[in-house]
Structures are given as C-alpha cells and as structure tokens.
Amino acid sequence: MNNNLDLESAIAALDQYGYDKKHSSDLEQARNKAQMMKYIDSLDFNLRRLLILQEAVNELVENEKRLLAQHENIQTYKTKIINLSRQFNISYDEVLQIMKQQENS
C-alpha cells in the first residue's frame, strides 16, 4: 500500500510540474505576443533596460533574417547547378569543376 501512495505522490508531482510549466511566465514557454509581453513585464525593467533589450532583439532579428536569406540564396544556387547538370546531362560535380575552371581562367 505504501508503494501505491509513493506512486500516486510521484504522479501528482509530475502532473503539477507539467501544469506549472504550461502556466508559468517563463520565456521558454512563451509562444505568442501576449505571453512574451507577460514575461517581459514580469522582468520589471526600467525604460533604459527595455531600450537595450529592444536593441538586442532587433539585432538578433536582423541576423536571423540575414541567415535565412543566405540559406535561401544557397538553395537557389544549388538548384541552378542541378538544372545545369540536367540540361547538359553531366553530374553536379562536373558542373562545379567546369565553374571552377572558368573562374581560374
């Protein structure tokens, strides 16, 4: 019977932990603007610190946008190489070799 009580206590504790994680104001749990606002408000930052936070977030957003654009450009470039290899019926690596030779001459 003691084992059942221990098991029930453990399950109750896990349930409570799951509930707390869902309803916490933790940034990791924030998935929308309202939750983010609640978390940021809980930090109780003054205007100066909020402006620094805004600047940091803006930099991170710009960096993520730049990385995304770079990734898209690379994918486009790879697709163009694949299309060239199909057009001339040669392998991807052969297209790269030809491009490298053209670059060197």
N, C-alpha and C. Protein backbone atom coordinates (compact mmCIF):
# COMPACT_ATOMS: atom_id res chain seq x y z
N MET A 1 0.83 -1.19 0.00
CA MET A 1 0.00 0.00 0.00
C MET A 1 0.88 1.26 0.00
N ASN A 2 2.00 1.19 0.69
CA ASN A 2 2.91 2.32 0.75
C ASN A 2 3.46 2.64 -0.64
N ASN A 3 3.70 1.57 -1.45
CA ASN A 3 4.19 1.78 -2.81
C ASN A 3 3.17 2.53 -3.66
N ASN A 4 1.88 2.20 -3.47
CA ASN A 4 0.83 2.90 -4.22
C ASN A 4 0.80 4.37 -3.86
N LEU A 5 0.97 4.66 -2.58
CA LEU A 5 0.95 6.06 -2.13
C LEU A 5 2.15 6.81 -2.71
N ASP A 6 3.33 6.17 -2.73
CA ASP A 6 4.51 6.78 -3.33
C ASP A 6 4.31 7.03 -4.81
N LEU A 7 3.71 6.05 -5.50
CA LEU A 7 3.46 6.18 -6.93
C LEU A 7 2.46 7.30 -7.20
N GLU A 8 1.41 7.35 -6.40
CA GLU A 8 0.42 8.41 -6.57
C GLU A 8 1.03 9.79 -6.31
N SER A 9 1.88 9.87 -5.30
CA SER A 9 2.56 11.13 -4.99
C SER A 9 3.47 11.56 -6.14
N ALA A 10 4.18 10.59 -6.69
CA ALA A 10 5.08 10.89 -7.81
C ALA A 10 4.29 11.36 -9.03
N ILE A 11 3.18 10.70 -9.32
CA ILE A 11 2.35 11.08 -10.47
C ILE A 11 1.75 12.47 -10.24
N ALA A 12 1.28 12.73 -9.03
CA ALA A 12 0.72 14.04 -8.71
C ALA A 12 1.78 15.13 -8.87
N ALA A 13 2.99 14.84 -8.43
CA ALA A 13 4.08 15.82 -8.55
C ALA A 13 4.40 16.09 -10.02
N LEU A 14 4.43 15.04 -10.85
CA LEU A 14 4.68 15.23 -12.28
C LEU A 14 3.55 16.02 -12.93
N ASP A 15 2.31 15.72 -12.55
CA ASP A 15 1.17 16.47 -13.09
C ASP A 15 1.28 17.94 -12.71
N GLN A 16 1.62 18.21 -11.48
CA GLN A 16 1.75 19.59 -11.01
C GLN A 16 2.88 20.30 -11.76
N TYR A 17 3.98 19.58 -11.97
CA TYR A 17 5.12 20.16 -12.70
C TYR A 17 4.70 20.52 -14.12
N GLY A 18 3.98 19.60 -14.78
CA GLY A 18 3.50 19.86 -16.14
C GLY A 18 2.56 21.05 -16.18
N TYR A 19 1.68 21.15 -15.20
CA TYR A 19 0.75 22.28 -15.13
C TYR A 19 1.51 23.58 -14.92
N ASP A 20 2.47 23.55 -14.00
CA ASP A 20 3.26 24.75 -13.71
C ASP A 20 4.05 25.19 -14.94
N LYS A 21 4.61 24.24 -15.68
CA LYS A 21 5.38 24.58 -16.88
C LYS A 21 4.47 25.22 -17.92
N LYS A 22 3.24 24.72 -18.06
CA LYS A 22 2.31 25.27 -19.05
C LYS A 22 1.88 26.68 -18.69
N HIS A 23 1.70 26.95 -17.40
CA HIS A 23 1.13 28.21 -16.96
C HIS A 23 2.16 29.17 -16.37
N SER A 24 3.41 28.86 -16.53
CA SER A 24 4.43 29.75 -15.98
C SER A 24 4.62 30.95 -16.89
N SER A 25 5.25 31.97 -16.35
CA SER A 25 5.56 33.15 -17.17
C SER A 25 7.01 33.05 -17.66
N ASP A 26 7.50 31.84 -17.76
CA ASP A 26 8.86 31.58 -18.22
C ASP A 26 8.96 31.89 -19.72
N LEU A 27 10.05 32.49 -20.13
CA LEU A 27 10.23 32.85 -21.53
C LEU A 27 10.23 31.61 -22.43
N GLU A 28 10.75 30.50 -21.95
CA GLU A 28 10.77 29.28 -22.75
C GLU A 28 9.36 28.83 -23.12
N GLN A 29 8.38 29.16 -22.29
CA GLN A 29 7.01 28.75 -22.54
C GLN A 29 6.24 29.75 -23.40
N ALA A 30 6.79 30.92 -23.62
CA ALA A 30 6.09 31.97 -24.37
C ALA A 30 6.06 31.60 -25.85
N ARG A 31 4.83 31.54 -26.39
CA ARG A 31 4.67 31.17 -27.79
C ARG A 31 3.93 32.23 -28.60
N ASN A 32 3.44 33.25 -27.95
CA ASN A 32 2.73 34.31 -28.67
C ASN A 32 3.06 35.65 -28.04
N LYS A 33 2.54 36.71 -28.66
CA LYS A 33 2.89 38.06 -28.22
C LYS A 33 2.44 38.32 -26.79
N ALA A 34 1.23 37.89 -26.45
CA ALA A 34 0.71 38.14 -25.09
C ALA A 34 1.60 37.48 -24.03
N GLN A 35 2.02 36.24 -24.29
CA GLN A 35 2.89 35.54 -23.34
C GLN A 35 4.25 36.22 -23.25
N MET A 36 4.77 36.66 -24.37
CA MET A 36 6.06 37.37 -24.36
C MET A 36 5.93 38.67 -23.57
N MET A 37 4.84 39.39 -23.81
CA MET A 37 4.62 40.65 -23.09
C MET A 37 4.52 40.40 -21.58
N LYS A 38 3.83 39.33 -21.20
CA LYS A 38 3.69 39.00 -19.79
C LYS A 38 5.06 38.72 -19.17
N TYR A 39 5.88 37.96 -19.89
CA TYR A 39 7.21 37.65 -19.38
C TYR A 39 8.05 38.90 -19.25
N ILE A 40 8.07 39.71 -20.31
CA ILE A 40 8.89 40.93 -20.28
C ILE A 40 8.42 41.87 -19.18
N ASP A 41 7.11 41.97 -19.02
CA ASP A 41 6.57 42.81 -17.95
C ASP A 41 6.99 42.29 -16.57
N SER A 42 7.09 40.96 -16.44
CA SER A 42 7.49 40.37 -15.16
C SER A 42 8.95 40.70 -14.82
N LEU A 43 9.74 41.09 -15.81
CA LEU A 43 11.13 41.45 -15.56
C LEU A 43 11.25 42.78 -14.84
N ASP A 44 10.21 43.59 -14.96
CA ASP A 44 10.16 44.89 -14.29
C ASP A 44 11.37 45.75 -14.65
N PHE A 45 11.64 45.83 -15.96
CA PHE A 45 12.74 46.65 -16.45
C PHE A 45 12.33 48.11 -16.51
N ASN A 46 13.31 48.99 -16.27
CA ASN A 46 13.05 50.42 -16.48
C ASN A 46 13.21 50.71 -17.97
N LEU A 47 12.92 51.93 -18.38
CA LEU A 47 12.94 52.29 -19.80
C LEU A 47 14.31 52.04 -20.42
N ARG A 48 15.36 52.39 -19.73
CA ARG A 48 16.72 52.21 -20.27
C ARG A 48 16.99 50.74 -20.59
N ARG A 49 16.66 49.86 -19.67
CA ARG A 49 16.90 48.43 -19.89
C ARG A 49 15.99 47.88 -20.99
N LEU A 50 14.75 48.40 -21.07
CA LEU A 50 13.85 47.98 -22.15
C LEU A 50 14.40 48.39 -23.52
N LEU A 51 14.98 49.58 -23.58
CA LEU A 51 15.57 50.04 -24.84
C LEU A 51 16.77 49.18 -25.23
N ILE A 52 17.57 48.79 -24.26
CA ILE A 52 18.70 47.90 -24.53
C ILE A 52 18.19 46.54 -25.00
N LEU A 53 17.15 46.04 -24.35
CA LEU A 53 16.53 44.77 -24.75
C LEU A 53 16.00 44.88 -26.18
N GLN A 54 15.34 45.98 -26.49
CA GLN A 54 14.81 46.19 -27.84
C GLN A 54 15.94 46.18 -28.88
N GLU A 55 17.03 46.86 -28.57
CA GLU A 55 18.17 46.91 -29.48
C GLU A 55 18.75 45.51 -29.69
N ALA A 56 18.88 44.75 -28.61
CA ALA A 56 19.42 43.40 -28.71
C ALA A 56 18.50 42.50 -29.54
N VAL A 57 17.21 42.60 -29.30
CA VAL A 57 16.24 41.80 -30.05
C VAL A 57 16.27 42.18 -31.53
N ASN A 58 16.34 43.48 -31.82
CA ASN A 58 16.40 43.93 -33.21
C ASN A 58 17.63 43.37 -33.91
N GLU A 59 18.76 43.37 -33.23
CA GLU A 59 19.99 42.81 -33.82
C GLU A 59 19.83 41.32 -34.09
N LEU A 60 19.25 40.59 -33.13
CA LEU A 60 19.04 39.16 -33.32
C LEU A 60 18.09 38.89 -34.48
N VAL A 61 17.04 39.67 -34.59
CA VAL A 61 16.07 39.50 -35.68
C VAL A 61 16.74 39.76 -37.03
N GLU A 62 17.52 40.83 -37.12
CA GLU A 62 18.21 41.14 -38.37
C GLU A 62 19.20 40.04 -38.74
N ASN A 63 19.89 39.52 -37.75
CA ASN A 63 20.84 38.43 -38.01
C ASN A 63 20.12 37.19 -38.51
N GLU A 64 18.98 36.86 -37.89
CA GLU A 64 18.20 35.69 -38.32
C GLU A 64 17.69 35.89 -39.74
N LYS A 65 17.23 37.10 -40.07
CA LYS A 65 16.77 37.40 -41.42
C LYS A 65 17.90 37.25 -42.43
N ARG A 66 19.08 37.73 -42.06
CA ARG A 66 20.24 37.64 -42.94
C ARG A 66 20.61 36.17 -43.18
N LEU A 67 20.62 35.38 -42.11
CA LEU A 67 20.95 33.95 -42.25
C LEU A 67 19.92 33.22 -43.09
N LEU A 68 18.65 33.57 -42.92
CA LEU A 68 17.59 32.95 -43.72
C LEU A 68 17.75 33.30 -45.19
N ALA A 69 18.02 34.57 -45.49
CA ALA A 69 18.23 34.99 -46.88
C ALA A 69 19.44 34.29 -47.47
N GLN A 70 20.50 34.17 -46.69
CA GLN A 70 21.71 33.50 -47.16
C GLN A 70 21.40 32.04 -47.47
N HIS A 71 20.65 31.38 -46.60
CA HIS A 71 20.29 29.98 -46.81
C HIS A 71 19.44 29.83 -48.08
N GLU A 72 18.49 30.74 -48.28
CA GLU A 72 17.65 30.71 -49.47
C GLU A 72 18.49 30.92 -50.73
N ASN A 73 19.46 31.83 -50.68
CA ASN A 73 20.33 32.07 -51.83
C ASN A 73 21.16 30.84 -52.16
N ILE A 74 21.65 30.17 -51.14
CA ILE A 74 22.44 28.96 -51.35
C ILE A 74 21.58 27.87 -51.99
N GLN A 75 20.35 27.72 -51.50
CA GLN A 75 19.44 26.72 -52.07
C GLN A 75 19.14 27.04 -53.53
N THR A 76 18.93 28.33 -53.83
CA THR A 76 18.67 28.74 -55.21
C THR A 76 19.87 28.42 -56.09
N TYR A 77 21.05 28.70 -55.60
CA TYR A 77 22.29 28.45 -56.34
C TYR A 77 22.45 26.95 -56.61
N LYS A 78 22.19 26.14 -55.59
CA LYS A 78 22.29 24.68 -55.76
C LYS A 78 21.29 24.19 -56.80
N THR A 79 20.09 24.75 -56.78
CA THR A 79 19.06 24.36 -57.75
C THR A 79 19.50 24.72 -59.16
N LYS A 80 20.11 25.88 -59.31
CA LYS A 80 20.60 26.29 -60.63
C LYS A 80 21.68 25.34 -61.13
N ILE A 81 22.55 24.90 -60.24
CA ILE A 81 23.60 23.96 -60.63
C ILE A 81 22.99 22.61 -61.02
N ILE A 82 22.00 22.17 -60.26
CA ILE A 82 21.31 20.92 -60.59
C ILE A 82 20.65 21.03 -61.96
N ASN A 83 20.00 22.16 -62.23
CA ASN A 83 19.35 22.36 -63.53
C ASN A 83 20.36 22.36 -64.67
N LEU A 84 21.53 22.97 -64.43
CA LEU A 84 22.59 22.96 -65.44
C LEU A 84 23.08 21.53 -65.70
N SER A 85 23.23 20.77 -64.64
CA SER A 85 23.70 19.40 -64.81
C SER A 85 22.69 18.57 -65.61
N ARG A 86 21.42 18.82 -65.38
CA ARG A 86 20.38 18.12 -66.17
C ARG A 86 20.37 18.59 -67.61
N GLN A 87 20.49 19.90 -67.79
CA GLN A 87 20.44 20.48 -69.13
C GLN A 87 21.56 19.94 -70.02
N PHE A 88 22.76 19.82 -69.46
CA PHE A 88 23.90 19.36 -70.24
C PHE A 88 24.22 17.88 -70.01
N ASN A 89 23.36 17.22 -69.24
CA ASN A 89 23.48 15.79 -68.99
C ASN A 89 24.86 15.42 -68.41
N ILE A 90 25.28 16.21 -67.41
CA ILE A 90 26.53 15.93 -66.71
C ILE A 90 26.24 15.95 -65.21
N SER A 91 27.18 15.45 -64.44
CA SER A 91 26.96 15.39 -62.99
C SER A 91 27.11 16.75 -62.33
N TYR A 92 26.56 16.83 -61.15
CA TYR A 92 26.65 18.04 -60.33
C TYR A 92 28.12 18.43 -60.13
N ASP A 93 28.93 17.43 -59.78
CA ASP A 93 30.37 17.68 -59.54
C ASP A 93 31.08 18.17 -60.79
N GLU A 94 30.66 17.65 -61.95
CA GLU A 94 31.28 18.11 -63.19
C GLU A 94 30.95 19.58 -63.46
N VAL A 95 29.72 19.98 -63.16
CA VAL A 95 29.34 21.38 -63.31
C VAL A 95 30.21 22.25 -62.41
N LEU A 96 30.41 21.81 -61.17
CA LEU A 96 31.25 22.57 -60.24
C LEU A 96 32.68 22.66 -60.74
N GLN A 97 33.19 21.56 -61.31
CA GLN A 97 34.55 21.57 -61.85
C GLN A 97 34.67 22.56 -63.00
N ILE A 98 33.70 22.55 -63.90
CA ILE A 98 33.71 23.48 -65.03
C ILE A 98 33.66 24.91 -64.54
N MET A 99 32.82 25.18 -63.54
CA MET A 99 32.72 26.53 -62.98
C MET A 99 34.05 26.94 -62.37
N LYS A 100 34.70 26.01 -61.69
CA LYS A 100 35.98 26.33 -61.06
C LYS A 100 37.04 26.61 -62.12
N GLN A 101 37.03 25.83 -63.21
CA GLN A 101 37.97 26.07 -64.30
C GLN A 101 37.73 27.44 -64.93
N GLN A 102 36.46 27.80 -65.11
CA GLN A 102 36.13 29.10 -65.69
C GLN A 102 36.61 30.24 -64.79
N GLU A 103 36.51 30.01 -63.50
CA GLU A 103 36.93 31.02 -62.53
C GLU A 103 38.43 31.24 -62.59
N ASN A 104 39.19 30.17 -62.80
CA ASN A 104 40.64 30.22 -62.81
C ASN A 104 41.20 30.77 -64.12
N SER A 105 40.41 30.76 -65.19
CA SER A 105 40.96 31.23 -66.46
C SER A 105 40.63 32.67 -66.75
